[in-house]
Amino acid sequence: AILFNHESPRRGLSFITRKITHAAVNIKLGLAQE
C-alpha cells in the first residue's frame, strides 16, 4: 500500500500536523506563546 501522508489524533508529536494541534492547544491554555 503506497500510503500518502496520513494523520490522526494518534500521530506522534514529531510529525508536523500533531505538532501544530498540540501547540495550538497549549497556546489556547496559556502554556505557550508561539
PDB file of all heavy atoms in Angstrom:
ATOM      1  N   ALA A   1       0.870  -1.176   0.000  1.00  0.00           N
ATOM      2  CA  ALA A   1       0.000   0.000   0.000  1.00  0.00           C
ATOM      3  C   ALA A   1       0.903   1.221   0.000  1.00  0.00           C
ATOM      4  O   ALA A   1       1.616   1.474   0.978  1.00  0.00           O
ATOM      5  CB  ALA A   1      -0.894   0.004   1.224  1.00  0.00           C
ATOM      6  N   ILE A   2       0.895   1.953  -1.101  1.00  0.00           N
ATOM      7  CA  ILE A   2       1.737   3.152  -1.209  1.00  0.00           C
ATOM      8  C   ILE A   2       0.965   4.294  -0.560  1.00  0.00           C
ATOM      9  O   ILE A   2       0.108   4.927  -1.182  1.00  0.00           O
ATOM     10  CB  ILE A   2       2.082   3.456  -2.679  1.00  0.00           C
ATOM     11  CG1 ILE A   2       2.734   2.225  -3.323  1.00  0.00           C
ATOM     12  CG2 ILE A   2       3.016   4.668  -2.772  1.00  0.00           C
ATOM     13  CD1 ILE A   2       2.924   2.347  -4.825  1.00  0.00           C
ATOM     14  N   LEU A   3       1.242   4.506   0.711  1.00  0.00           N
ATOM     15  CA  LEU A   3       0.471   5.429   1.527  1.00  0.00           C
ATOM     16  C   LEU A   3       1.005   6.854   1.416  1.00  0.00           C
ATOM     17  O   LEU A   3       2.192   7.093   1.660  1.00  0.00           O
ATOM     18  CB  LEU A   3       0.509   4.989   2.990  1.00  0.00           C
ATOM     19  CG  LEU A   3       0.070   3.550   3.279  1.00  0.00           C
ATOM     20  CD1 LEU A   3       0.297   3.220   4.757  1.00  0.00           C
ATOM     21  CD2 LEU A   3      -1.381   3.349   2.898  1.00  0.00           C
ATOM     22  N   PHE A   4       0.133   7.767   1.087  1.00  0.00           N
ATOM     23  CA  PHE A   4       0.494   9.181   1.169  1.00  0.00           C
ATOM     24  C   PHE A   4       0.277   9.639   2.618  1.00  0.00           C
ATOM     25  O   PHE A   4      -0.193   8.861   3.464  1.00  0.00           O
ATOM     26  CB  PHE A   4      -0.310   9.989   0.156  1.00  0.00           C
ATOM     27  CG  PHE A   4       0.294   9.955  -1.226  1.00  0.00           C
ATOM     28  CD1 PHE A   4       0.339   8.767  -1.940  1.00  0.00           C
ATOM     29  CD2 PHE A   4       0.849  11.094  -1.787  1.00  0.00           C
ATOM     30  CE1 PHE A   4       0.929   8.706  -3.198  1.00  0.00           C
ATOM     31  CE2 PHE A   4       1.442  11.058  -3.046  1.00  0.00           C
ATOM     32  CZ  PHE A   4       1.483   9.863  -3.756  1.00  0.00           C
ATOM     33  N   ASN A   5       0.655  10.869   2.916  1.00  0.00           N
ATOM     34  CA  ASN A   5       0.611  11.351   4.300  1.00  0.00           C
ATOM     35  C   ASN A   5      -0.757  11.095   4.923  1.00  0.00           C
ATOM     36  O   ASN A   5      -1.780  11.456   4.341  1.00  0.00           O
ATOM     37  CB  ASN A   5       0.925  12.847   4.360  1.00  0.00           C
ATOM     38  CG  ASN A   5       2.326  13.153   3.902  1.00  0.00           C
ATOM     39  OD1 ASN A   5       2.649  13.001   2.727  1.00  0.00           O
ATOM     40  ND2 ASN A   5       3.175  13.584   4.814  1.00  0.00           N
ATOM     41  N   HIS A   6      -0.750  10.505   6.079  1.00  0.00           N
ATOM     42  CA  HIS A   6      -1.996  10.245   6.792  1.00  0.00           C
ATOM     43  C   HIS A   6      -1.779  10.492   8.277  1.00  0.00           C
ATOM     44  O   HIS A   6      -0.765  10.112   8.839  1.00  0.00           O
ATOM     45  CB  HIS A   6      -2.513   8.834   6.520  1.00  0.00           C
ATOM     46  CG  HIS A   6      -1.505   7.754   6.737  1.00  0.00           C
ATOM     47  ND1 HIS A   6      -0.427   7.556   5.890  1.00  0.00           N
ATOM     48  CD2 HIS A   6      -1.404   6.819   7.700  1.00  0.00           C
ATOM     49  CE1 HIS A   6       0.283   6.535   6.323  1.00  0.00           C
ATOM     50  NE2 HIS A   6      -0.279   6.070   7.428  1.00  0.00           N
ATOM     51  N   GLU A   7      -2.741  11.150   8.872  1.00  0.00           N
ATOM     52  CA  GLU A   7      -2.605  11.633  10.246  1.00  0.00           C
ATOM     53  C   GLU A   7      -3.816  11.185  11.062  1.00  0.00           C
ATOM     54  O   GLU A   7      -4.780  10.636  10.532  1.00  0.00           O
ATOM     55  CB  GLU A   7      -2.505  13.157  10.259  1.00  0.00           C
ATOM     56  CG  GLU A   7      -1.592  13.751   9.189  1.00  0.00           C
ATOM     57  CD  GLU A   7      -0.143  13.325   9.332  1.00  0.00           C
ATOM     58  OE1 GLU A   7       0.336  13.203  10.484  1.00  0.00           O
ATOM     59  OE2 GLU A   7       0.520  13.112   8.307  1.00  0.00           O
ATOM     60  N   SER A   8      -3.779  11.473  12.359  1.00  0.00           N
ATOM     61  CA  SER A   8      -4.888  11.147  13.253  1.00  0.00           C
ATOM     62  C   SER A   8      -4.538  11.669  14.634  1.00  0.00           C
ATOM     63  O   SER A   8      -3.408  12.099  14.882  1.00  0.00           O
ATOM     64  CB  SER A   8      -5.096   9.626  13.317  1.00  0.00           C
ATOM     65  OG  SER A   8      -4.101   9.021  14.135  1.00  0.00           O
ATOM     66  N   PRO A   9      -5.484  11.622  15.569  1.00  0.00           N
ATOM     67  CA  PRO A   9      -5.157  12.001  16.945  1.00  0.00           C
ATOM     68  C   PRO A   9      -4.061  11.124  17.558  1.00  0.00           C
ATOM     69  O   PRO A   9      -3.453  11.511  18.559  1.00  0.00           O
ATOM     70  CB  PRO A   9      -6.490  11.805  17.686  1.00  0.00           C
ATOM     71  CG  PRO A   9      -7.534  12.002  16.630  1.00  0.00           C
ATOM     72  CD  PRO A   9      -6.939  11.401  15.390  1.00  0.00           C
ATOM     73  N   ARG A  10      -3.801   9.963  16.970  1.00  0.00           N
ATOM     74  CA  ARG A  10      -2.786   9.051  17.496  1.00  0.00           C
ATOM     75  C   ARG A  10      -1.406   9.295  16.904  1.00  0.00           C
ATOM     76  O   ARG A  10      -0.467   8.559  17.186  1.00  0.00           O
ATOM     77  CB  ARG A  10      -3.220   7.606  17.236  1.00  0.00           C
ATOM     78  CG  ARG A  10      -4.564   7.279  17.871  1.00  0.00           C
ATOM     79  CD  ARG A  10      -5.042   5.885  17.520  1.00  0.00           C
ATOM     80  NE  ARG A  10      -6.407   5.675  17.984  1.00  0.00           N
ATOM     81  CZ  ARG A  10      -7.118   4.567  17.793  1.00  0.00           C
ATOM     82  NH1 ARG A  10      -6.578   3.555  17.129  1.00  0.00           N
ATOM     83  NH2 ARG A  10      -8.353   4.470  18.245  1.00  0.00           N
ATOM     84  N   ARG A  11      -1.266  10.282  16.071  1.00  0.00           N
ATOM     85  CA  ARG A  11       0.009  10.624  15.455  1.00  0.00           C
ATOM     86  C   ARG A  11       0.983  11.131  16.516  1.00  0.00           C
ATOM     87  O   ARG A  11       0.600  11.806  17.464  1.00  0.00           O
ATOM     88  CB  ARG A  11      -0.208  11.687  14.382  1.00  0.00           C
ATOM     89  CG  ARG A  11       1.032  12.120  13.668  1.00  0.00           C
ATOM     90  CD  ARG A  11       1.765  10.949  13.061  1.00  0.00           C
ATOM     91  NE  ARG A  11       1.608  10.824  11.624  1.00  0.00           N
ATOM     92  CZ  ARG A  11       2.137   9.825  10.934  1.00  0.00           C
ATOM     93  NH1 ARG A  11       2.817   8.868  11.538  1.00  0.00           N
ATOM     94  NH2 ARG A  11       1.963   9.742   9.619  1.00  0.00           N
ATOM     95  N   GLY A  12       2.266  10.794  16.354  1.00  0.00           N
ATOM     96  CA  GLY A  12       3.285  11.223  17.309  1.00  0.00           C
ATOM     97  C   GLY A  12       3.585  12.707  17.189  1.00  0.00           C
ATOM     98  O   GLY A  12       3.352  13.340  16.156  1.00  0.00           O
ATOM     99  N   LEU A  13       4.140  13.267  18.261  1.00  0.00           N
ATOM    100  CA  LEU A  13       4.395  14.707  18.316  1.00  0.00           C
ATOM    101  C   LEU A  13       5.540  15.159  17.407  1.00  0.00           C
ATOM    102  O   LEU A  13       5.728  16.346  17.205  1.00  0.00           O
ATOM    103  CB  LEU A  13       4.706  15.117  19.760  1.00  0.00           C
ATOM    104  CG  LEU A  13       3.501  15.143  20.706  1.00  0.00           C
ATOM    105  CD1 LEU A  13       3.964  15.328  22.152  1.00  0.00           C
ATOM    106  CD2 LEU A  13       2.542  16.257  20.318  1.00  0.00           C
ATOM    107  N   SER A  14       6.292  14.221  16.869  1.00  0.00           N
ATOM    108  CA  SER A  14       7.385  14.608  15.975  1.00  0.00           C
ATOM    109  C   SER A  14       6.879  14.977  14.580  1.00  0.00           C
ATOM    110  O   SER A  14       7.631  15.526  13.772  1.00  0.00           O
ATOM    111  CB  SER A  14       8.415  13.476  15.867  1.00  0.00           C
ATOM    112  OG  SER A  14       7.835  12.317  15.281  1.00  0.00           O
ATOM    113  N   PHE A  15       5.620  14.692  14.287  1.00  0.00           N
ATOM    114  CA  PHE A  15       5.050  14.990  12.971  1.00  0.00           C
ATOM    115  C   PHE A  15       4.391  16.360  12.991  1.00  0.00           C
ATOM    116  O   PHE A  15       3.765  16.759  13.970  1.00  0.00           O
ATOM    117  CB  PHE A  15       4.046  13.912  12.573  1.00  0.00           C
ATOM    118  CG  PHE A  15       4.692  12.598  12.236  1.00  0.00           C
ATOM    119  CD1 PHE A  15       5.141  11.755  13.241  1.00  0.00           C
ATOM    120  CD2 PHE A  15       4.865  12.208  10.915  1.00  0.00           C
ATOM    121  CE1 PHE A  15       5.750  10.541  12.935  1.00  0.00           C
ATOM    122  CE2 PHE A  15       5.470  11.003  10.602  1.00  0.00           C
ATOM    123  CZ  PHE A  15       5.918  10.170  11.612  1.00  0.00           C
ATOM    124  N   ILE A  16       4.497  17.065  11.877  1.00  0.00           N
ATOM    125  CA  ILE A  16       4.132  18.487  11.870  1.00  0.00           C
ATOM    126  C   ILE A  16       2.654  18.727  12.169  1.00  0.00           C
ATOM    127  O   ILE A  16       2.303  19.699  12.841  1.00  0.00           O
ATOM    128  CB  ILE A  16       4.542  19.147  10.535  1.00  0.00           C
ATOM    129  CG1 ILE A  16       4.408  20.676  10.659  1.00  0.00           C
ATOM    130  CG2 ILE A  16       3.735  18.585   9.367  1.00  0.00           C
ATOM    131  CD1 ILE A  16       5.087  21.435   9.560  1.00  0.00           C
ATOM    132  N   THR A  17       1.776  17.847  11.697  1.00  0.00           N
ATOM    133  CA  THR A  17       0.350  18.069  11.964  1.00  0.00           C
ATOM    134  C   THR A  17       0.052  18.024  13.456  1.00  0.00           C
ATOM    135  O   THR A  17      -0.625  18.900  14.000  1.00  0.00           O
ATOM    136  CB  THR A  17      -0.496  17.016  11.237  1.00  0.00           C
ATOM    137  OG1 THR A  17       0.048  15.715  11.520  1.00  0.00           O
ATOM    138  CG2 THR A  17      -0.506  17.264   9.738  1.00  0.00           C
ATOM    139  N   ARG A  18       0.572  17.011  14.113  1.00  0.00           N
ATOM    140  CA  ARG A  18       0.340  16.880  15.555  1.00  0.00           C
ATOM    141  C   ARG A  18       1.093  17.960  16.325  1.00  0.00           C
ATOM    142  O   ARG A  18       0.618  18.460  17.357  1.00  0.00           O
ATOM    143  CB  ARG A  18       0.779  15.489  16.023  1.00  0.00           C
ATOM    144  CG  ARG A  18       0.542  15.229  17.494  1.00  0.00           C
ATOM    145  CD  ARG A  18      -0.916  14.910  17.811  1.00  0.00           C
ATOM    146  NE  ARG A  18      -1.156  14.967  19.255  1.00  0.00           N
ATOM    147  CZ  ARG A  18      -0.694  14.073  20.127  1.00  0.00           C
ATOM    148  NH1 ARG A  18       0.010  13.039  19.708  1.00  0.00           N
ATOM    149  NH2 ARG A  18      -0.944  14.212  21.414  1.00  0.00           N
ATOM    150  N   LYS A  19       2.241  18.351  15.826  1.00  0.00           N
ATOM    151  CA  LYS A  19       2.998  19.444  16.448  1.00  0.00           C
ATOM    152  C   LYS A  19       2.154  20.723  16.449  1.00  0.00           C
ATOM    153  O   LYS A  19       2.119  21.474  17.430  1.00  0.00           O
ATOM    154  CB  LYS A  19       4.316  19.658  15.693  1.00  0.00           C
ATOM    155  CG  LYS A  19       5.272  20.639  16.343  1.00  0.00           C
ATOM    156  CD  LYS A  19       6.549  20.780  15.520  1.00  0.00           C
ATOM    157  CE  LYS A  19       7.301  19.473  15.458  1.00  0.00           C
ATOM    158  NZ  LYS A  19       8.592  19.619  14.730  1.00  0.00           N
ATOM    159  N   ILE A  20       1.444  20.949  15.349  1.00  0.00           N
ATOM    160  CA  ILE A  20       0.605  22.151  15.222  1.00  0.00           C
ATOM    161  C   ILE A  20      -0.590  22.091  16.168  1.00  0.00           C
ATOM    162  O   ILE A  20      -0.870  23.045  16.896  1.00  0.00           O
ATOM    163  CB  ILE A  20       0.143  22.330  13.762  1.00  0.00           C
ATOM    164  CG1 ILE A  20       1.330  22.704  12.865  1.00  0.00           C
ATOM    165  CG2 ILE A  20      -0.953  23.402  13.664  1.00  0.00           C
ATOM    166  CD1 ILE A  20       1.026  22.642  11.380  1.00  0.00           C
ATOM    167  N   THR A  21      -1.311  20.965  16.163  1.00  0.00           N
ATOM    168  CA  THR A  21      -2.506  20.889  17.015  1.00  0.00           C
ATOM    169  C   THR A  21      -2.143  20.925  18.489  1.00  0.00           C
ATOM    170  O   THR A  21      -2.838  21.549  19.299  1.00  0.00           O
ATOM    171  CB  THR A  21      -3.326  19.624  16.706  1.00  0.00           C
ATOM    172  OG1 THR A  21      -2.548  18.443  16.952  1.00  0.00           O
ATOM    173  CG2 THR A  21      -3.795  19.628  15.254  1.00  0.00           C
ATOM    174  N   HIS A  22      -1.052  20.292  18.841  1.00  0.00           N
ATOM    175  CA  HIS A  22      -0.589  20.293  20.235  1.00  0.00           C
ATOM    176  C   HIS A  22      -0.195  21.701  20.673  1.00  0.00           C
ATOM    177  O   HIS A  22      -0.561  22.166  21.763  1.00  0.00           O
ATOM    178  CB  HIS A  22       0.594  19.334  20.374  1.00  0.00           C
ATOM    179  CG  HIS A  22       1.111  19.183  21.759  1.00  0.00           C
ATOM    180  ND1 HIS A  22       2.237  19.849  22.224  1.00  0.00           N
ATOM    181  CD2 HIS A  22       0.667  18.450  22.808  1.00  0.00           C
ATOM    182  CE1 HIS A  22       2.454  19.528  23.473  1.00  0.00           C
ATOM    183  NE2 HIS A  22       1.516  18.684  23.858  1.00  0.00           N
ATOM    184  N   ALA A  23       0.532  22.412  19.808  1.00  0.00           N
ATOM    185  CA  ALA A  23       0.960  23.775  20.136  1.00  0.00           C
ATOM    186  C   ALA A  23      -0.237  24.718  20.204  1.00  0.00           C
ATOM    187  O   ALA A  23      -0.303  25.596  21.073  1.00  0.00           O
ATOM    188  CB  ALA A  23       1.963  24.268  19.096  1.00  0.00           C
ATOM    189  N   ALA A  24      -1.192  24.552  19.305  1.00  0.00           N
ATOM    190  CA  ALA A  24      -2.380  25.417  19.310  1.00  0.00           C
ATOM    191  C   ALA A  24      -3.135  25.291  20.627  1.00  0.00           C
ATOM    192  O   ALA A  24      -3.584  26.299  21.203  1.00  0.00           O
ATOM    193  CB  ALA A  24      -3.288  25.057  18.137  1.00  0.00           C
ATOM    194  N   VAL A  25      -3.268  24.069  21.120  1.00  0.00           N
ATOM    195  CA  VAL A  25      -3.948  23.847  22.403  1.00  0.00           C
ATOM    196  C   VAL A  25      -3.157  24.479  23.539  1.00  0.00           C
ATOM    197  O   VAL A  25      -3.732  25.136  24.426  1.00  0.00           O
ATOM    198  CB  VAL A  25      -4.148  22.336  22.642  1.00  0.00           C
ATOM    199  CG1 VAL A  25      -4.505  22.064  24.101  1.00  0.00           C
ATOM    200  CG2 VAL A  25      -5.230  21.799  21.712  1.00  0.00           C
ATOM    201  N   ASN A  26      -1.849  24.315  23.530  1.00  0.00           N
ATOM    202  CA  ASN A  26      -1.013  24.908  24.592  1.00  0.00           C
ATOM    203  C   ASN A  26      -1.108  26.427  24.583  1.00  0.00           C
ATOM    204  O   ASN A  26      -1.132  27.066  25.641  1.00  0.00           O
ATOM    205  CB  ASN A  26       0.439  24.461  24.439  1.00  0.00           C
ATOM    206  CG  ASN A  26       0.674  23.053  24.957  1.00  0.00           C
ATOM    207  OD1 ASN A  26      -0.153  22.508  25.700  1.00  0.00           O
ATOM    208  ND2 ASN A  26       1.784  22.452  24.567  1.00  0.00           N
ATOM    209  N   ILE A  27      -1.161  27.000  23.397  1.00  0.00           N
ATOM    210  CA  ILE A  27      -1.306  28.462  23.293  1.00  0.00           C
ATOM    211  C   ILE A  27      -2.670  28.885  23.815  1.00  0.00           C
ATOM    212  O   ILE A  27      -2.806  29.869  24.545  1.00  0.00           O
ATOM    213  CB  ILE A  27      -1.086  28.915  21.834  1.00  0.00           C
ATOM    214  CG1 ILE A  27       0.401  28.749  21.450  1.00  0.00           C
ATOM    215  CG2 ILE A  27      -1.536  30.357  21.637  1.00  0.00           C
ATOM    216  CD1 ILE A  27       0.688  28.949  19.980  1.00  0.00           C
ATOM    217  N   LYS A  28      -3.691  28.143  23.466  1.00  0.00           N
ATOM    218  CA  LYS A  28      -5.044  28.449  23.931  1.00  0.00           C
ATOM    219  C   LYS A  28      -5.121  28.420  25.461  1.00  0.00           C
ATOM    220  O   LYS A  28      -5.804  29.252  26.083  1.00  0.00           O
ATOM    221  CB  LYS A  28      -6.028  27.446  23.339  1.00  0.00           C
ATOM    222  CG  LYS A  28      -7.471  27.605  23.811  1.00  0.00           C
ATOM    223  CD  LYS A  28      -8.101  28.899  23.294  1.00  0.00           C
ATOM    224  CE  LYS A  28      -9.569  28.986  23.649  1.00  0.00           C
ATOM    225  NZ  LYS A  28     -10.201  30.227  23.118  1.00  0.00           N
ATOM    226  N   LEU A  29      -4.397  27.493  26.072  1.00  0.00           N
ATOM    227  CA  LEU A  29      -4.428  27.327  27.532  1.00  0.00           C
ATOM    228  C   LEU A  29      -3.401  28.193  28.249  1.00  0.00           C
ATOM    229  O   LEU A  29      -3.264  28.104  29.467  1.00  0.00           O
ATOM    230  CB  LEU A  29      -4.209  25.851  27.883  1.00  0.00           C
ATOM    231  CG  LEU A  29      -5.269  24.868  27.364  1.00  0.00           C
ATOM    232  CD1 LEU A  29      -4.902  23.439  27.739  1.00  0.00           C
ATOM    233  CD2 LEU A  29      -6.651  25.227  27.900  1.00  0.00           C
ATOM    234  N   GLY A  30      -2.668  29.012  27.479  1.00  0.00           N
ATOM    235  CA  GLY A  30      -1.676  29.885  28.087  1.00  0.00           C
ATOM    236  C   GLY A  30      -0.389  29.192  28.473  1.00  0.00           C
ATOM    237  O   GLY A  30       0.413  29.734  29.242  1.00  0.00           O
ATOM    238  N   LEU A  31      -0.162  27.995  27.936  1.00  0.00           N
ATOM    239  CA  LEU A  31       1.040  27.223  28.256  1.00  0.00           C
ATOM    240  C   LEU A  31       2.178  27.483  27.278  1.00  0.00           C
ATOM    241  O   LEU A  31       3.287  27.006  27.471  1.00  0.00           O
ATOM    242  CB  LEU A  31       0.710  25.729  28.275  1.00  0.00           C
ATOM    243  CG  LEU A  31      -0.396  25.308  29.249  1.00  0.00           C
ATOM    244  CD1 LEU A  31      -0.724  23.833  29.081  1.00  0.00           C
ATOM    245  CD2 LEU A  31       0.016  25.604  30.686  1.00  0.00           C
ATOM    246  N   ALA A  32       1.891  28.199  26.195  1.00  0.00           N
ATOM    247  CA  ALA A  32       2.905  28.560  25.197  1.00  0.00           C
ATOM    248  C   ALA A  32       2.483  29.873  24.552  1.00  0.00           C
ATOM    249  O   ALA A  32       1.308  30.265  24.618  1.00  0.00           O
ATOM    250  CB  ALA A  32       3.050  27.459  24.153  1.00  0.00           C
ATOM    251  N   GLN A  33       3.450  30.559  23.938  1.00  0.00           N
ATOM    252  CA  GLN A  33       3.165  31.866  23.351  1.00  0.00           C
ATOM    253  C   GLN A  33       3.186  31.857  21.828  1.00  0.00           C
ATOM    254  O   GLN A  33       2.482  32.633  21.183  1.00  0.00           O
ATOM    255  CB  GLN A  33       4.175  32.912  23.856  1.00  0.00           C
ATOM    256  CG  GLN A  33       3.916  33.367  25.283  1.00  0.00           C
ATOM    257  CD  GLN A  33       4.264  32.297  26.305  1.00  0.00           C
ATOM    258  OE1 GLN A  33       5.352  31.729  26.262  1.00  0.00           O
ATOM    259  NE2 GLN A  33       3.340  32.046  27.231  1.00  0.00           N
ATOM    260  N   GLU A  34       4.021  30.982  21.232  1.00  0.00           N
ATOM    261  CA  GLU A  34       4.132  30.977  19.781  1.00  0.00           C
ATOM    262  C   GLU A  34       4.572  29.616  19.279  1.00  0.00           C
ATOM    263  O   GLU A  34       4.961  28.733  20.063  1.00  0.00           O
ATOM    264  CB  GLU A  34       5.131  32.042  19.311  1.00  0.00           C
ATOM    265  CG  GLU A  34       6.573  31.760  19.690  1.00  0.00           C
ATOM    266  CD  GLU A  34       7.541  32.741  19.037  1.00  0.00           C
ATOM    267  OE1 GLU A  34       7.095  33.781  18.517  1.00  0.00           O
ATOM    268  OE2 GLU A  34       8.744  32.421  19.018  1.00  0.00           O
TER     269      GLU A  34
END
